[in-house]
Amino acid sequence: MNIRRLSVEVLEAWQKTPRYASELLEDKTRQAALSGPNAAFLHDIVLTTLRNLSLLDHWISHLTDNRHLDHRTRWVLRIGLCQLLLLGVPSHAAVNETVAAAGRASGLVNAVLRRAGRELEPLLAQREKLPLAIAWSQPEFLIRRWIKTMGKEKTAALCAWNQEPAETYIRLNRLHEEAEERLANVPGLSPHPSVEDFFAVNPVPREALKAGICYAQDPSTSFAPHMLAPKPGETVLDACAAPGGKTAILAQLMCGEGTLIACDSSPARLNRLRENLTRLRVHRVQIHQHDLISGAPAPYGSMLFDRILLDVPCSNTGVMRRRVDVRWRLTEPEFAELARTQRALVESALRLLKPGGSLVYSTCSIDPEENQQLVKAVMADHPDLELAESRLIFPPKDQMDGAYAARLVKQSS
């Protein structure tokens, strides 16, 4: 089984389709019936290549004297240099196996990779002198935005953070009566130092996840539902609920008492939400397909809510470490488009909020246009709102995925 050939197939499919790399890797792993080690190696090559595209292309230009290359040959060289310079694969294995996957370009690939092996130290040393956008393979427009809002030092720290593979975290599911006792027997758990019930895991406890005693999610995802702080007996809306991780936390906080409604606009995502909530033993929840800004009648009628969680679609700039596709799929005009959608969702949700009620607006973005600036604009148009609290999670500082949450309280008349 030539893992390098499979890597090129995945990367070519990623370039030609809008599908996520993680989905393509799952498909390829299943189709090729890969063993655990081979599947892990395939993931390493593909994801490390995607995280370092600009740097790899810089090295390719240097090593080929800016020669024009067809798409496939460029992907083959990218994965070859990724193995040699970034993954530390022994030279003979990286070169020979990659050349075997190169087809008609095998001569060129062989020559370039052997030269890279001879120049390994100087090539690696180049990185420190390159612009951030090349050294850390981030789009130039994002670098510009980040430097403008947070300065060069924090931008460099964020870029370095985004290059590292993300740890897998699980949350203990306290809705399962045996969860705490059974999770204690799972090997490789490291409690998060500051967020209760979250554990870094290695290896991933697949049986425990399947049994519903825990749920895979980053600690940062818990701040918004805990900020909302629903109480037993209240009416609560999770307006953009799929895939259900935050909904499950809300249900746990409500102790099965009150009315919890979970909505999402996507039928496919709702199916996943139902599966997740069933597995996590979240029983007292009403699930509806509904788009807040569609103008369609709400499935819950004229009900008003004590608390609303609004986890809106966003740029995902806080989770680029975890979602490797984001940096290459995001465009600068999308920030303004997203902000318009986010603002429309907030306006629709506020109409559903009781006087004295709370709405938590949250994103997995670190961009002010989607976060602080949007909340400030909403409050300027709604004098009856008070900003009770807010938090921005900055990945390098907080050592978890980036996120933002703000709790707005509607004043009683």
Protein backbone atom coordinates (compact mmCIF):
# COMPACT_ATOMS: atom_id res chain seq x y z
CA MET A 1 0.00 0.00 0.00
CA ASN A 2 1.65 3.25 -1.13
CA ILE A 3 0.49 5.81 1.45
CA ARG A 4 2.13 8.59 -0.56
CA ARG A 5 -0.05 7.81 -3.59
CA LEU A 6 -3.15 7.85 -1.39
CA SER A 7 -2.02 11.19 0.07
CA VAL A 8 -1.81 12.74 -3.39
CA GLU A 9 -5.25 11.38 -4.27
CA VAL A 10 -6.75 12.97 -1.14
CA LEU A 11 -5.02 16.30 -1.75
CA GLU A 12 -6.06 16.43 -5.40
CA ALA A 13 -9.66 15.75 -4.37
CA TRP A 14 -9.40 18.46 -1.71
CA GLN A 15 -8.24 20.96 -4.36
CA LYS A 16 -11.03 20.07 -6.80
CA THR A 17 -14.00 19.84 -4.40
CA PRO A 18 -15.38 21.88 -1.47
CA ARG A 19 -15.17 18.87 0.84
CA TYR A 20 -13.20 18.99 4.07
CA ALA A 21 -9.87 17.21 4.33
CA SER A 22 -11.11 15.26 7.37
CA GLU A 23 -14.03 13.84 5.35
CA LEU A 24 -11.79 12.87 2.44
CA LEU A 25 -9.35 11.19 4.81
CA GLU A 26 -12.13 9.19 6.45
CA ASP A 27 -13.36 8.05 3.05
CA LYS A 28 -9.89 7.06 1.85
CA THR A 29 -9.06 5.25 5.08
CA ARG A 30 -12.25 3.21 4.80
CA GLN A 31 -11.92 2.50 1.05
CA ALA A 32 -8.32 1.37 1.37
CA ALA A 33 -9.01 -0.57 4.60
CA LEU A 34 -5.95 1.01 6.21
CA SER A 35 -4.53 -0.26 9.47
CA GLY A 36 -4.25 2.14 12.40
CA PRO A 37 -0.59 3.09 11.79
CA ASN A 38 -1.10 3.55 8.04
CA ALA A 39 -4.22 5.66 8.60
CA ALA A 40 -2.32 7.82 11.10
CA PHE A 41 0.56 8.29 8.64
CA LEU A 42 -1.87 9.25 5.86
CA HIS A 43 -3.47 11.84 8.17
CA ASP A 44 -0.04 13.21 9.15
CA ILE A 45 1.10 13.69 5.56
CA VAL A 46 -2.13 15.26 4.29
CA LEU A 47 -2.80 17.59 7.23
CA THR A 48 0.82 18.69 7.68
CA THR A 49 1.04 19.41 3.94
CA LEU A 50 -2.13 21.53 4.07
CA ARG A 51 -0.90 23.41 7.14
CA ASN A 52 2.34 24.31 5.34
CA LEU A 53 1.35 24.91 1.71
CA SER A 54 2.97 28.32 1.34
CA LEU A 55 6.22 27.22 2.97
CA LEU A 56 6.36 24.04 0.89
CA ASP A 57 5.74 26.03 -2.31
CA HIS A 58 8.51 28.44 -1.33
CA TRP A 59 10.90 25.52 -0.97
CA ILE A 60 9.70 24.01 -4.26
CA SER A 61 10.35 27.29 -6.10
CA HIS A 62 13.85 27.40 -4.65
CA LEU A 63 14.64 23.77 -5.44
CA THR A 64 13.22 23.83 -9.00
CA ASP A 65 14.44 27.33 -9.91
CA ASN A 66 10.81 28.48 -10.28
CA ARG A 67 10.00 25.80 -12.82
CA HIS A 68 6.36 25.52 -13.96
CA LEU A 69 4.76 22.36 -12.57
CA ASP A 70 1.46 20.63 -13.23
CA HIS A 71 -0.87 20.23 -10.24
CA ARG A 72 -0.12 16.56 -9.58
CA THR A 73 3.66 16.97 -9.69
CA ARG A 74 3.41 19.90 -7.30
CA TRP A 75 1.35 17.81 -4.84
CA VAL A 76 3.88 14.97 -5.07
CA LEU A 77 6.74 17.38 -4.32
CA ARG A 78 4.77 18.95 -1.48
CA ILE A 79 4.22 15.63 0.28
CA GLY A 80 7.84 14.62 -0.36
CA LEU A 81 9.24 17.80 1.18
CA CYS A 82 6.69 17.57 3.98
CA GLN A 83 8.08 14.15 4.93
CA LEU A 84 11.73 15.20 4.66
CA LEU A 85 11.63 18.65 6.23
CA LEU A 86 8.61 18.67 8.55
CA LEU A 87 7.78 15.12 9.60
CA GLY A 88 11.33 13.82 9.92
CA VAL A 89 10.70 10.70 7.81
CA PRO A 90 14.03 8.97 7.01
CA SER A 91 15.38 10.17 3.67
CA HIS A 92 15.46 6.79 1.92
CA ALA A 93 11.81 6.05 2.74
CA ALA A 94 10.55 9.55 1.97
CA VAL A 95 12.37 9.74 -1.37
CA ASN A 96 11.89 6.20 -2.66
CA GLU A 97 8.20 5.86 -1.76
CA THR A 98 7.33 9.35 -3.02
CA VAL A 99 9.19 8.79 -6.29
CA ALA A 100 7.23 5.55 -6.72
CA ALA A 101 4.01 7.58 -6.51
CA ALA A 102 5.19 10.25 -8.95
CA GLY A 103 4.45 8.52 -12.26
CA ARG A 104 5.87 10.33 -15.30
CA ALA A 105 7.47 13.00 -13.11
CA SER A 106 9.56 10.47 -11.14
CA GLY A 107 12.89 11.77 -12.50
CA LEU A 108 12.17 15.37 -11.51
CA VAL A 109 10.78 14.36 -8.12
CA ASN A 110 13.79 12.19 -7.39
CA ALA A 111 16.23 15.00 -8.26
CA VAL A 112 14.37 17.63 -6.22
CA LEU A 113 13.97 15.46 -3.12
CA ARG A 114 17.60 14.35 -3.17
CA ARG A 115 18.71 17.97 -3.44
CA ALA A 116 16.40 18.83 -0.52
CA GLY A 117 18.04 16.10 1.53
CA ARG A 118 21.47 17.62 0.85
CA GLU A 119 20.25 21.15 1.69
CA LEU A 120 18.04 20.21 4.63
CA GLU A 121 19.61 22.46 7.28
CA PRO A 122 19.79 25.63 5.12
CA LEU A 123 16.18 25.10 3.97
CA LEU A 124 14.93 24.82 7.54
CA ALA A 125 16.97 27.85 8.58
CA GLN A 126 15.27 29.95 5.88
CA ARG A 127 11.99 29.82 7.77
CA GLU A 128 13.03 32.34 10.44
CA LYS A 129 13.74 35.02 7.81
CA LEU A 130 10.60 34.56 5.72
CA PRO A 131 7.45 36.73 5.99
CA LEU A 132 4.83 35.35 8.40
CA ALA A 133 2.45 34.49 5.55
CA ILE A 134 5.06 32.16 4.00
CA ALA A 135 6.84 30.89 7.11
CA TRP A 136 3.55 29.91 8.78
CA SER A 137 1.44 29.37 5.64
CA GLN A 138 -1.36 31.79 6.49
CA PRO A 139 -3.19 33.92 3.89
CA GLU A 140 -1.69 37.41 3.63
CA PHE A 141 -5.05 39.10 4.19
CA LEU A 142 -5.45 37.30 7.53
CA ILE A 143 -1.94 38.31 8.59
CA ARG A 144 -2.76 41.93 7.76
CA ARG A 145 -6.05 41.80 9.71
CA TRP A 146 -4.44 40.20 12.74
CA ILE A 147 -1.49 42.59 12.87
CA LYS A 148 -3.92 45.51 12.67
CA THR A 149 -6.08 44.23 15.55
CA MET A 150 -3.56 42.50 17.84
CA GLY A 151 -0.04 43.49 16.76
CA LYS A 152 2.79 41.48 15.22
CA GLU A 153 3.86 39.60 18.37
CA LYS A 154 0.44 38.10 19.08
CA THR A 155 -0.07 37.42 15.38
CA ALA A 156 3.16 35.45 15.23
CA ALA A 157 2.12 33.48 18.33
CA LEU A 158 -1.25 32.68 16.76
CA CYS A 159 0.38 31.60 13.50
CA ALA A 160 2.72 29.25 15.37
CA TRP A 161 -0.23 27.87 17.38
CA ASN A 162 -2.21 27.18 14.20
CA GLN A 163 0.57 24.97 12.84
CA GLU A 164 0.41 22.41 15.63
CA PRO A 165 -1.95 19.41 15.50
CA ALA A 166 -4.85 19.99 17.88
CA GLU A 167 -5.22 17.88 21.00
CA THR A 168 -8.41 15.86 21.32
CA TYR A 169 -10.55 16.73 24.36
CA ILE A 170 -13.58 14.99 25.80
CA ARG A 171 -16.21 16.23 28.23
CA LEU A 172 -17.57 14.00 30.96
CA ASN A 173 -21.31 13.54 30.36
CA ARG A 174 -22.98 13.88 33.77
CA LEU A 175 -26.37 12.97 32.28
CA HIS A 176 -25.09 9.38 32.18
CA GLU A 177 -25.34 7.94 35.70
CA GLU A 178 -22.26 5.73 35.33
CA ALA A 179 -20.12 8.18 33.37
CA GLU A 180 -17.76 9.31 36.12
CA GLU A 181 -17.12 5.78 37.37
CA ARG A 182 -16.60 4.33 33.89
CA LEU A 183 -14.46 7.21 32.63
CA ALA A 184 -12.07 6.65 35.53
CA ASN A 185 -11.11 3.35 33.85
CA VAL A 186 -10.27 4.96 30.50
CA PRO A 187 -6.49 5.14 29.90
CA GLY A 188 -4.63 8.23 28.75
CA LEU A 189 -6.80 10.94 30.35
CA SER A 190 -5.32 14.29 31.40
CA PRO A 191 -7.72 16.63 33.25
CA HIS A 192 -7.81 20.15 31.88
CA PRO A 193 -6.09 22.45 34.40
CA SER A 194 -8.86 25.06 34.50
CA VAL A 195 -12.06 23.73 32.86
CA GLU A 196 -13.97 21.17 34.93
CA ASP A 197 -15.05 17.85 33.37
CA PHE A 198 -12.76 18.21 30.33
CA PHE A 199 -9.87 15.84 29.62
CA ALA A 200 -7.17 15.69 26.96
CA VAL A 201 -7.15 12.13 25.60
CA ASN A 202 -4.60 9.94 23.85
CA PRO A 203 -5.64 7.54 22.48
CA VAL A 204 -9.19 8.61 21.64
CA PRO A 205 -11.59 6.49 23.79
CA ARG A 206 -13.88 5.40 20.98
CA GLU A 207 -15.91 2.94 23.04
CA ALA A 208 -16.51 5.52 25.77
CA LEU A 209 -17.66 8.04 23.17
CA LYS A 210 -19.93 5.47 21.57
CA ALA A 211 -21.44 4.63 24.96
CA GLY A 212 -22.24 8.30 25.63
CA ILE A 213 -20.24 8.61 28.84
CA CYS A 214 -18.29 11.44 27.23
CA TYR A 215 -18.41 13.73 24.21
CA ALA A 216 -15.56 15.01 22.04
CA GLN A 217 -15.37 18.80 22.26
CA ASP A 218 -12.85 21.48 23.09
CA PRO A 219 -13.02 23.17 26.53
CA SER A 220 -13.64 26.53 24.83
CA THR A 221 -17.10 25.33 23.73
CA SER A 222 -18.29 25.21 27.34
CA PHE A 223 -17.96 28.92 28.11
CA ALA A 224 -21.03 30.10 26.18
CA PRO A 225 -23.57 27.65 27.73
CA HIS A 226 -22.13 28.22 31.20
CA MET A 227 -22.29 31.98 30.65
CA LEU A 228 -25.97 31.58 29.72
CA ALA A 229 -26.42 29.68 33.02
CA PRO A 230 -29.96 28.33 32.49
CA LYS A 231 -31.82 27.33 35.62
CA PRO A 232 -34.14 24.34 36.08
CA GLY A 233 -37.68 25.24 35.10
CA GLU A 234 -36.81 28.02 32.63
CA THR A 235 -37.64 28.24 28.93
CA VAL A 236 -34.41 28.04 26.93
CA LEU A 237 -33.69 28.20 23.19
CA ASP A 238 -30.52 26.92 21.57
CA ALA A 239 -31.09 28.65 18.24
CA CYS A 240 -28.17 27.27 16.18
CA ALA A 241 -27.79 24.00 18.03
CA ALA A 242 -26.15 21.39 15.79
CA PRO A 243 -24.15 19.27 16.36
CA GLY A 244 -25.40 19.41 19.95
CA GLY A 245 -22.41 19.71 22.27
CA LYS A 246 -23.59 22.98 23.78
CA THR A 247 -27.21 21.76 23.89
CA ALA A 248 -26.11 18.83 26.04
CA ILE A 249 -24.39 21.19 28.48
CA LEU A 250 -27.56 23.30 28.70
CA ALA A 251 -29.62 20.17 29.41
CA GLN A 252 -27.18 19.14 32.13
CA LEU A 253 -27.41 22.59 33.77
CA MET A 254 -31.24 22.46 33.65
CA CYS A 255 -31.37 19.06 35.40
CA GLY A 256 -34.17 17.90 33.08
CA GLU A 257 -36.57 20.57 34.37
CA GLY A 258 -38.10 23.29 32.19
CA THR A 259 -38.36 23.68 28.43
CA LEU A 260 -35.29 23.31 26.22
CA ILE A 261 -35.73 23.80 22.47
CA ALA A 262 -32.92 23.11 20.01
CA CYS A 263 -33.15 24.43 16.44
CA ASP A 264 -30.97 24.38 13.37
CA SER A 265 -31.56 25.28 9.72
CA SER A 266 -29.82 22.22 8.24
CA PRO A 267 -31.69 18.87 8.07
CA ALA A 268 -28.39 16.96 7.80
CA ARG A 269 -26.94 18.71 10.84
CA LEU A 270 -30.18 18.11 12.75
CA ASN A 271 -29.86 14.37 12.13
CA ARG A 272 -26.41 14.49 13.67
CA LEU A 273 -27.75 16.54 16.59
CA ARG A 274 -30.50 13.97 17.26
CA GLU A 275 -27.96 11.13 17.20
CA ASN A 276 -25.62 12.97 19.57
CA LEU A 277 -28.33 13.95 22.04
CA THR A 278 -29.79 10.43 22.08
CA ARG A 279 -26.36 8.97 22.78
CA LEU A 280 -25.74 11.56 25.52
CA ARG A 281 -29.11 10.81 27.16
CA VAL A 282 -30.53 14.28 26.59
CA HIS A 283 -34.19 13.32 26.69
CA ARG A 284 -36.17 16.43 27.58
CA VAL A 285 -35.44 18.56 24.54
CA GLN A 286 -37.65 19.64 21.62
CA ILE A 287 -35.79 19.54 18.28
CA HIS A 288 -36.96 21.58 15.29
CA GLN A 289 -35.69 22.56 11.87
CA HIS A 290 -35.92 26.34 11.77
CA ASP A 291 -33.95 29.21 10.29
CA LEU A 292 -34.31 32.30 12.47
CA ILE A 293 -33.89 34.70 9.55
CA SER A 294 -35.99 32.84 6.98
CA GLY A 295 -39.22 34.62 7.86
CA ALA A 296 -40.97 31.24 8.27
CA PRO A 297 -43.31 30.78 11.27
CA ALA A 298 -41.47 29.47 14.30
CA PRO A 299 -42.27 25.84 15.19
CA TYR A 300 -42.56 26.87 18.85
CA GLY A 301 -45.24 29.47 18.04
CA SER A 302 -45.23 32.77 19.92
CA MET A 303 -43.23 31.44 22.88
CA LEU A 304 -40.77 33.84 24.51
CA PHE A 305 -37.66 32.60 26.26
CA ASP A 306 -35.89 33.26 29.54
CA ARG A 307 -32.54 32.49 27.94
CA ILE A 308 -31.29 32.11 24.38
CA LEU A 309 -27.98 30.69 23.19
CA LEU A 310 -27.03 32.03 19.76
CA ASP A 311 -23.90 30.25 18.54
CA VAL A 312 -23.75 31.81 15.09
CA PRO A 313 -22.05 30.73 11.84
CA CYS A 314 -18.65 32.42 11.74
CA SER A 315 -15.24 32.56 10.07
CA ASN A 316 -13.76 29.85 12.36
CA THR A 317 -10.57 31.88 12.83
CA GLY A 318 -10.36 30.63 16.42
CA VAL A 319 -10.24 26.97 15.38
CA MET A 320 -7.80 27.05 12.47
CA ARG A 321 -5.49 24.70 14.36
CA ARG A 322 -8.28 22.13 14.42
CA ARG A 323 -9.88 22.85 11.01
CA VAL A 324 -7.00 22.89 8.60
CA ASP A 325 -9.16 23.80 5.59
CA VAL A 326 -10.27 27.16 6.98
CA ARG A 327 -7.25 29.25 6.06
CA TRP A 328 -7.41 28.21 2.39
CA ARG A 329 -11.21 28.41 2.01
CA LEU A 330 -11.87 31.71 3.78
CA THR A 331 -11.87 34.96 1.78
CA GLU A 332 -11.70 38.52 3.08
CA PRO A 333 -15.14 39.62 1.78
CA GLU A 334 -16.71 36.79 3.81
CA PHE A 335 -16.12 38.68 7.08
CA ALA A 336 -18.58 41.41 6.11
CA GLU A 337 -21.04 38.85 4.74
CA LEU A 338 -20.85 36.82 7.93
CA ALA A 339 -21.29 39.93 10.09
CA ARG A 340 -24.50 40.79 8.22
CA THR A 341 -25.86 37.27 8.80
CA GLN A 342 -24.79 37.34 12.44
CA ARG A 343 -26.46 40.69 12.99
CA ALA A 344 -29.69 39.45 11.38
CA LEU A 345 -29.67 36.39 13.64
CA VAL A 346 -29.20 38.54 16.74
CA GLU A 347 -32.08 40.84 15.77
CA SER A 348 -34.38 37.86 15.19
CA ALA A 349 -33.38 36.20 18.45
CA LEU A 350 -33.87 39.36 20.51
CA ARG A 351 -37.53 39.44 19.49
CA LEU A 352 -37.92 36.06 21.21
CA LEU A 353 -36.33 37.14 24.49
CA LYS A 354 -38.46 37.93 27.55
CA PRO A 355 -37.90 41.21 29.42
CA GLY A 356 -35.26 40.43 32.03
CA GLY A 357 -34.01 37.51 29.91
CA SER A 358 -30.45 36.80 28.76
CA LEU A 359 -29.04 36.11 25.31
CA VAL A 360 -25.54 34.76 24.89
CA TYR A 361 -23.99 35.53 21.51
CA SER A 362 -21.07 33.27 20.68
CA THR A 363 -18.64 32.44 17.88
CA CYS A 364 -15.51 30.37 17.38
CA SER A 365 -13.90 33.43 15.80
CA ILE A 366 -11.28 35.79 17.24
CA ASP A 367 -12.10 38.57 14.76
CA PRO A 368 -13.48 41.82 16.28
CA GLU A 369 -15.79 42.40 13.28
CA GLU A 370 -17.73 39.27 14.26
CA ASN A 371 -17.41 39.77 18.01
CA GLN A 372 -16.86 42.98 20.01
CA GLN A 373 -17.71 45.32 17.14
CA LEU A 374 -20.92 43.46 16.34
CA VAL A 375 -22.07 43.43 19.97
CA LYS A 376 -21.27 47.13 20.30
CA ALA A 377 -23.36 47.89 17.19
CA VAL A 378 -26.28 45.81 18.49
CA MET A 379 -26.26 47.61 21.82
CA ALA A 380 -26.15 51.01 20.12
CA ASP A 381 -29.45 50.15 18.42
CA HIS A 382 -31.02 48.58 21.52
CA PRO A 383 -30.82 50.87 24.56
CA ASP A 384 -32.75 48.26 26.57
CA LEU A 385 -29.79 45.87 26.39
CA GLU A 386 -27.04 45.61 28.97
CA LEU A 387 -23.74 43.82 28.39
CA ALA A 388 -23.49 41.68 31.53
CA GLU A 389 -20.23 39.91 30.68
CA SER A 390 -18.05 38.87 27.77
CA ARG A 391 -14.98 36.81 27.13
CA LEU A 392 -12.56 36.39 24.24
CA ILE A 393 -10.49 33.19 24.32
CA PHE A 394 -7.15 33.69 22.57
CA PRO A 395 -5.63 30.29 21.74
CA PRO A 396 -1.91 30.84 22.54
CA LYS A 397 -2.74 32.53 25.86
CA ASP A 398 -5.57 30.26 26.98
CA GLN A 399 -4.21 27.02 25.46
CA MET A 400 -7.51 26.02 23.86
CA ASP A 401 -9.51 26.81 20.74
CA GLY A 402 -10.39 30.45 20.16
CA ALA A 403 -13.93 31.62 20.94
CA TYR A 404 -15.99 34.63 21.96
CA ALA A 405 -19.10 34.92 24.10
CA ALA A 406 -21.12 37.90 25.32
CA ARG A 407 -24.21 37.87 27.56
CA LEU A 408 -26.79 40.53 26.77
CA VAL A 409 -29.62 41.16 29.24
CA LYS A 410 -32.91 42.73 28.09
CA GLN A 411 -33.98 45.20 30.73
CA SER A 412 -37.49 44.88 32.18
CA SER A 413 -39.85 47.71 31.24
